Amino acid sequence: MNPGADTHDVRRLLLAECRLAVFHISSYAWSHAYQETCQKWLNFIASSVEHQCDFLSGDGNLFAQQSFKSDDHSDFRTSILIDILERFLQQINLHRSPINRITYNVVSSTTAADYIRSMSGDDADCDSMILISLCYGKQIAVTEARAKEDSASADGFSGSAFSDEILLNDVEQLKHLLPYDVGLAEKDCAWHSPLITFAQLKSLKNMRIRSRESEDKRREKWMQRNQGYLEK
């Protein structure tokens, strides 16, 4: 996610602006300050939600892929970072109406090949960057979609906060770039596979958002065609 996202990207989310919170968790924290780091990550999440950040993006090191220090491999969707986020949002959603619940989605810079190897217990490069999207239901399209769900009339939302209300489509091809492709040394230990993600509201997946100029031209053509019918 680029902090300098252009207007079109923001419009695809039906937002006036996009709020992005960036984090970096030291690799030493995983081994030497596990409990303290988990608490600080929870505080970071709470602050981000309080300010209604739309995206959390950063370098989680092994936290982005593992649940416990002793894990050889795990899934970034169930890593300790996402586990804490999930439990935090579940507690919040219990006191919010289902229409106003907060949901999240997540994507990782781990390549598909490395992900499969890690799930099989083989050595893999899973030291990844991650991007987390948060959806507060601020958009009318999201509110209307939620209102059609069976749980819309409940007092509070119970269940997982994970949802694909914001679709995150990562570019797998870019994850296979090598360090020297971006001007780094081959053994650069700070190197991560790049993560470029396109975000879009699921409720707008089959809808096309036109620019003002395009909409004006479309309206002008429609009026000309309509005027031609009237003259006939």
Protein backbone atom coordinates (compact mmCIF):
# COMPACT_ATOMS: atom_id res chain seq x y z
CA MET A 1 0.00 0.00 0.00
CA ASN A 2 1.48 3.30 -1.03
CA PRO A 3 0.87 6.11 1.49
CA GLY A 4 0.63 8.41 -1.50
CA ALA A 5 -2.27 6.52 -3.06
CA ASP A 6 -3.88 8.49 -5.85
CA THR A 7 -7.44 9.78 -5.83
CA HIS A 8 -8.69 6.91 -7.96
CA ASP A 9 -7.51 4.36 -5.39
CA VAL A 10 -9.32 6.23 -2.63
CA ARG A 11 -12.46 6.46 -4.74
CA ARG A 12 -12.44 2.70 -5.23
CA LEU A 13 -12.93 2.51 -1.46
CA LEU A 14 -15.51 5.32 -1.45
CA LEU A 15 -13.39 7.28 1.00
CA ALA A 16 -12.42 10.95 1.06
CA GLU A 17 -8.99 9.98 2.37
CA CYS A 18 -6.99 6.88 3.23
CA ARG A 19 -5.37 6.53 6.66
CA LEU A 20 -2.30 4.30 6.82
CA ALA A 21 -0.42 3.21 9.95
CA VAL A 22 3.07 1.77 9.46
CA PHE A 23 4.90 -0.54 11.86
CA HIS A 24 8.18 -2.43 12.18
CA ILE A 25 8.79 -5.18 14.74
CA SER A 26 12.42 -5.95 15.49
CA SER A 27 13.52 -9.53 14.95
CA TYR A 28 15.12 -9.46 18.42
CA ALA A 29 11.71 -8.84 19.99
CA TRP A 30 10.53 -12.25 18.82
CA SER A 31 13.19 -14.07 20.83
CA HIS A 32 13.86 -11.75 23.77
CA ALA A 33 10.70 -9.74 24.49
CA TYR A 34 7.79 -11.82 23.24
CA GLN A 35 5.20 -10.80 25.85
CA GLU A 36 6.15 -7.12 25.81
CA THR A 37 6.00 -7.01 22.03
CA CYS A 38 2.56 -8.63 21.97
CA GLN A 39 1.34 -5.96 24.40
CA LYS A 40 2.81 -3.15 22.31
CA TRP A 41 1.25 -4.63 19.18
CA LEU A 42 -2.14 -4.65 20.94
CA ASN A 43 -1.65 -0.99 21.90
CA PHE A 44 -0.77 -0.20 18.29
CA ILE A 45 -3.95 -1.88 17.07
CA ALA A 46 -6.08 -0.06 19.65
CA SER A 47 -4.61 3.29 18.66
CA SER A 48 -5.09 2.56 14.95
CA VAL A 49 -8.74 1.60 15.43
CA GLU A 50 -9.32 4.64 17.63
CA HIS A 51 -8.12 6.86 14.78
CA GLN A 52 -9.98 4.71 12.22
CA CYS A 53 -6.91 3.80 10.18
CA ASP A 54 -7.87 2.01 6.99
CA PHE A 55 -4.61 0.07 6.54
CA LEU A 56 -1.86 -1.29 8.77
CA SER A 57 1.30 -2.02 6.83
CA GLY A 58 4.79 -3.01 7.87
CA ASP A 59 7.56 -5.45 8.57
CA GLY A 60 6.51 -8.02 11.16
CA ASN A 61 9.61 -10.18 10.72
CA LEU A 62 8.85 -13.68 12.07
CA PHE A 63 5.81 -12.31 13.88
CA ALA A 64 4.11 -12.01 10.50
CA GLN A 65 4.26 -15.77 9.95
CA GLN A 66 4.51 -17.53 13.31
CA SER A 67 2.24 -17.94 16.32
CA PHE A 68 4.84 -19.02 18.88
CA LYS A 69 8.60 -18.68 19.23
CA SER A 70 9.07 -22.41 18.74
CA ASP A 71 7.16 -22.52 15.43
CA ASP A 72 9.13 -23.64 12.41
CA HIS A 73 6.35 -22.53 10.12
CA SER A 74 2.84 -21.18 10.34
CA ASP A 75 0.24 -19.24 8.40
CA PHE A 76 0.33 -15.44 8.22
CA ARG A 77 -3.48 -15.50 8.46
CA THR A 78 -3.24 -17.08 11.92
CA SER A 79 0.07 -15.58 13.10
CA ILE A 80 0.32 -13.97 16.52
CA LEU A 81 -0.19 -10.54 14.93
CA ILE A 82 -3.48 -11.58 13.34
CA ASP A 83 -4.52 -13.63 16.37
CA ILE A 84 -4.28 -10.57 18.63
CA LEU A 85 -6.06 -8.42 16.04
CA GLU A 86 -8.83 -11.03 15.69
CA ARG A 87 -9.45 -11.27 19.43
CA PHE A 88 -9.37 -7.49 19.85
CA LEU A 89 -11.93 -6.90 17.10
CA GLN A 90 -14.15 -9.73 18.32
CA GLN A 91 -14.44 -8.04 21.72
CA ILE A 92 -15.23 -4.69 20.12
CA ASN A 93 -17.82 -6.15 17.76
CA LEU A 94 -19.72 -7.75 20.65
CA HIS A 95 -20.68 -4.23 21.70
CA ARG A 96 -21.42 -2.92 18.22
CA SER A 97 -24.33 -3.63 15.93
CA PRO A 98 -23.50 -6.00 13.04
CA ILE A 99 -23.94 -3.12 10.60
CA ASN A 100 -21.26 -1.11 12.44
CA ARG A 101 -18.83 -3.98 13.06
CA ILE A 102 -15.14 -3.72 12.20
CA THR A 103 -13.71 -6.33 9.84
CA TYR A 104 -10.23 -6.99 8.48
CA ASN A 105 -8.42 -8.67 5.63
CA VAL A 106 -4.71 -9.45 5.29
CA VAL A 107 -2.16 -10.19 2.59
CA SER A 108 1.54 -11.13 2.82
CA SER A 109 4.62 -10.66 0.65
CA THR A 110 5.47 -14.36 1.07
CA THR A 111 5.51 -15.96 -2.36
CA ALA A 112 3.04 -18.70 -3.15
CA ALA A 113 5.88 -21.22 -3.59
CA ASP A 114 7.40 -20.43 -0.18
CA TYR A 115 3.96 -20.48 1.44
CA ILE A 116 3.29 -23.99 0.13
CA ARG A 117 6.74 -25.18 1.26
CA SER A 118 6.21 -23.78 4.75
CA MET A 119 2.80 -25.47 5.04
CA SER A 120 4.53 -28.75 4.17
CA GLY A 121 7.14 -28.26 6.89
CA ASP A 122 9.97 -27.53 4.46
CA ASP A 123 12.42 -24.63 4.68
CA ALA A 124 10.94 -21.47 3.20
CA ASP A 125 11.48 -17.71 3.21
CA CYS A 126 8.51 -16.44 5.23
CA ASP A 127 10.13 -13.33 6.73
CA SER A 128 7.47 -11.16 5.18
CA MET A 129 5.85 -7.78 4.93
CA ILE A 130 2.11 -7.75 5.57
CA LEU A 131 -0.78 -5.42 4.84
CA ILE A 132 -3.95 -5.43 6.96
CA SER A 133 -7.11 -3.66 5.82
CA LEU A 134 -9.73 -2.49 8.29
CA CYS A 135 -13.33 -1.86 7.27
CA TYR A 136 -15.57 0.17 9.61
CA GLY A 137 -18.65 0.20 7.42
CA LYS A 138 -18.35 3.93 6.81
CA GLN A 139 -19.29 3.58 3.16
CA ILE A 140 -22.96 3.52 2.16
CA ALA A 141 -22.33 0.57 -0.17
CA VAL A 142 -20.91 -1.47 2.73
CA THR A 143 -23.78 -0.50 5.05
CA GLU A 144 -26.34 -1.54 2.45
CA ALA A 145 -24.58 -4.87 1.88
CA ARG A 146 -24.43 -5.56 5.62
CA ALA A 147 -28.10 -4.67 6.06
CA LYS A 148 -29.04 -7.56 3.76
CA GLU A 149 -27.28 -10.13 5.95
CA ASP A 150 -29.17 -12.36 8.38
CA SER A 151 -27.24 -10.99 11.38
CA ALA A 152 -28.16 -7.37 10.66
CA SER A 153 -30.92 -7.30 13.31
CA ALA A 154 -28.77 -8.78 16.11
CA ASP A 155 -27.74 -6.73 19.14
CA GLY A 156 -24.02 -7.42 18.71
CA PHE A 157 -21.86 -9.24 16.19
CA SER A 158 -20.36 -12.53 17.35
CA GLY A 159 -17.95 -14.51 15.23
CA SER A 160 -14.73 -13.93 13.34
CA ALA A 161 -13.90 -10.38 12.32
CA PHE A 162 -12.18 -11.66 9.17
CA SER A 163 -13.97 -10.67 5.99
CA ASP A 164 -13.25 -9.90 2.35
CA GLU A 165 -15.34 -6.72 2.37
CA ILE A 166 -12.14 -5.05 1.19
CA LEU A 167 -10.61 -7.18 -1.53
CA LEU A 168 -6.80 -7.27 -1.41
CA ASN A 169 -5.23 -8.48 -4.65
CA ASP A 170 -1.45 -8.80 -4.44
CA VAL A 171 0.82 -8.98 -7.48
CA GLU A 172 2.51 -12.37 -7.21
CA GLN A 173 4.96 -11.72 -10.06
CA LEU A 174 6.65 -8.87 -8.17
CA LYS A 175 7.31 -11.10 -5.16
CA HIS A 176 9.85 -13.02 -7.23
CA LEU A 177 12.18 -10.04 -7.69
CA LEU A 178 15.73 -10.64 -6.45
CA PRO A 179 17.76 -8.25 -4.26
CA TYR A 180 19.90 -7.00 -7.15
CA ASP A 181 16.71 -6.24 -9.11
CA VAL A 182 16.19 -3.30 -6.77
CA GLY A 183 19.84 -2.34 -6.35
CA LEU A 184 20.66 -4.33 -3.20
CA ALA A 185 23.52 -6.68 -2.41
CA GLU A 186 22.78 -10.37 -2.84
CA LYS A 187 23.29 -11.07 0.86
CA ASP A 188 21.39 -8.03 2.15
CA CYS A 189 19.75 -9.35 5.33
CA ALA A 190 17.16 -6.54 5.41
CA TRP A 191 15.67 -7.64 2.11
CA HIS A 192 12.01 -8.63 1.82
CA SER A 193 9.96 -9.70 -1.15
CA PRO A 194 8.10 -6.60 -2.35
CA LEU A 195 4.40 -6.29 -1.61
CA ILE A 196 2.16 -4.34 -3.95
CA THR A 197 -1.55 -4.65 -3.34
CA PHE A 198 -4.69 -3.36 -5.04
CA ALA A 199 -7.58 -2.68 -2.65
CA GLN A 200 -11.23 -2.53 -3.68
CA LEU A 201 -14.59 -2.76 -1.97
CA LYS A 202 -16.24 -6.11 -2.58
CA SER A 203 -19.61 -4.39 -2.95
CA LEU A 204 -18.18 -2.47 -5.92
CA LYS A 205 -16.49 -5.43 -7.59
CA ASN A 206 -18.91 -5.43 -10.50
CA MET A 207 -19.35 -1.67 -10.57
CA ARG A 208 -17.26 0.84 -12.45
CA ILE A 209 -16.42 4.21 -10.93
CA ARG A 210 -16.05 6.85 -13.63
CA SER A 211 -14.14 10.10 -13.40
CA ARG A 212 -16.09 13.37 -13.46
CA GLU A 213 -14.95 14.05 -17.04
CA SER A 214 -16.02 10.59 -18.17
CA GLU A 215 -19.38 10.93 -16.44
CA ASP A 216 -20.01 14.35 -18.06
CA LYS A 217 -19.22 12.97 -21.52
CA ARG A 218 -21.46 9.96 -20.92
CA ARG A 219 -24.31 12.22 -19.80
CA GLU A 220 -23.81 14.52 -22.79
CA LYS A 221 -24.00 11.58 -25.22
CA TRP A 222 -27.13 10.29 -23.50
CA MET A 223 -28.80 13.73 -23.74
CA GLN A 224 -27.90 14.03 -27.44
CA ARG A 225 -29.31 10.58 -28.15
CA ASN A 226 -32.43 11.35 -26.18
CA GLN A 227 -32.86 14.67 -28.01
CA GLY A 228 -32.59 12.83 -31.32
CA TYR A 229 -35.42 10.49 -30.33
CA LEU A 230 -37.60 13.48 -29.35
CA GLU A 231 -37.02 15.17 -32.70
CA LYS A 232 -38.12 12.02 -34.53
